[in-house]
Amino acid sequence: MKREELEAQITALLKSHGSLSVAFLTRFLNERGISCTRQLVERTLRRMISAGRVEVFYINGNHRKHYRLRSQVGQC
């Protein structure tokens, strides 16, 4: 699978579910028939973070990263 296709699938999942951890993203991608590993998903998310499309945050102090789409303030 190409990187752009994986990024599009991750973006679609984050749009429909809100915020997700790497474990849930990997699980949902595999359920959709996209064979990928946690490491591949993490690498793709790091690229998306550096591009400014995704942001990372922590919930409840459990030190697990969750990811969500960045809000595009000021765009139509």
Protein backbone atom coordinates (compact mmCIF):
# COMPACT_ATOMS: atom_id res chain seq x y z
CA MET A 1 0.00 0.00 0.00
CA LYS A 2 1.27 3.43 -0.88
CA ARG A 3 1.93 6.00 1.82
CA GLU A 4 -0.70 8.40 0.45
CA GLU A 5 -3.36 5.68 0.53
CA LEU A 6 -2.51 4.78 4.13
CA GLU A 7 -2.62 8.45 5.13
CA ALA A 8 -6.03 8.80 3.46
CA GLN A 9 -7.35 5.77 5.36
CA ILE A 10 -6.00 7.09 8.68
CA THR A 11 -7.54 10.49 7.97
CA ALA A 12 -10.90 8.86 7.23
CA LEU A 13 -10.76 6.88 10.49
CA LEU A 14 -9.88 9.96 12.53
CA LYS A 15 -12.72 11.90 10.89
CA SER A 16 -15.27 9.22 11.73
CA HIS A 17 -14.04 8.25 15.21
CA GLY A 18 -12.49 11.46 16.52
CA SER A 19 -9.33 10.64 18.47
CA LEU A 20 -7.74 7.19 18.44
CA SER A 21 -4.65 5.45 19.75
CA VAL A 22 -2.19 3.61 17.52
CA ALA A 23 -3.61 0.28 18.67
CA PHE A 24 -7.14 1.16 17.58
CA LEU A 25 -5.97 2.70 14.32
CA THR A 26 -4.05 -0.47 13.50
CA ARG A 27 -7.01 -2.65 14.44
CA PHE A 28 -9.52 -0.66 12.37
CA LEU A 29 -7.16 -0.60 9.37
CA ASN A 30 -6.72 -4.38 9.56
CA GLU A 31 -10.51 -4.81 9.83
CA ARG A 32 -10.84 -2.77 6.63
CA GLY A 33 -8.54 -5.25 4.91
CA ILE A 34 -5.42 -3.09 5.00
CA SER A 35 -2.59 -5.26 6.25
CA CYS A 36 -0.28 -3.07 8.34
CA THR A 37 1.70 -3.16 11.55
CA ARG A 38 1.73 -0.82 14.52
CA GLN A 39 5.19 0.38 13.52
CA LEU A 40 4.01 1.35 10.04
CA VAL A 41 1.05 3.24 11.49
CA GLU A 42 3.31 5.07 13.98
CA ARG A 43 5.76 6.02 11.24
CA THR A 44 2.94 7.33 9.07
CA LEU A 45 1.47 9.30 11.98
CA ARG A 46 4.86 10.91 12.71
CA ARG A 47 4.97 12.09 9.09
CA MET A 48 1.44 13.44 9.35
CA ILE A 49 2.32 15.26 12.60
CA SER A 50 5.35 16.92 11.03
CA ALA A 51 3.16 17.96 8.08
CA GLY A 52 0.70 19.56 10.51
CA ARG A 53 -2.31 17.39 9.66
CA VAL A 54 -2.50 15.40 12.92
CA GLU A 55 -1.87 16.32 16.54
CA VAL A 56 -0.97 14.12 19.49
CA PHE A 57 -2.21 14.37 23.09
CA TYR A 58 -2.54 12.28 26.24
CA ILE A 59 -5.78 11.23 28.00
CA ASN A 60 -6.14 10.58 31.74
CA GLY A 61 -2.41 10.55 32.39
CA ASN A 62 -2.01 6.95 31.21
CA HIS A 63 0.91 7.96 28.95
CA ARG A 64 -0.74 6.55 25.83
CA LYS A 65 -0.65 8.86 22.87
CA HIS A 66 -3.91 9.58 21.11
CA TYR A 67 -4.12 11.19 17.71
CA ARG A 68 -6.70 13.50 16.16
CA LEU A 69 -6.95 15.69 13.12
CA ARG A 70 -5.79 19.24 13.62
CA SER A 71 -8.54 21.79 13.40
CA GLN A 72 -7.99 24.02 10.41
CA VAL A 73 -8.84 27.40 11.91
CA GLY A 74 -9.37 30.11 9.37
CA GLN A 75 -9.97 27.87 6.38
CA CYS A 76 -13.26 27.64 4.54
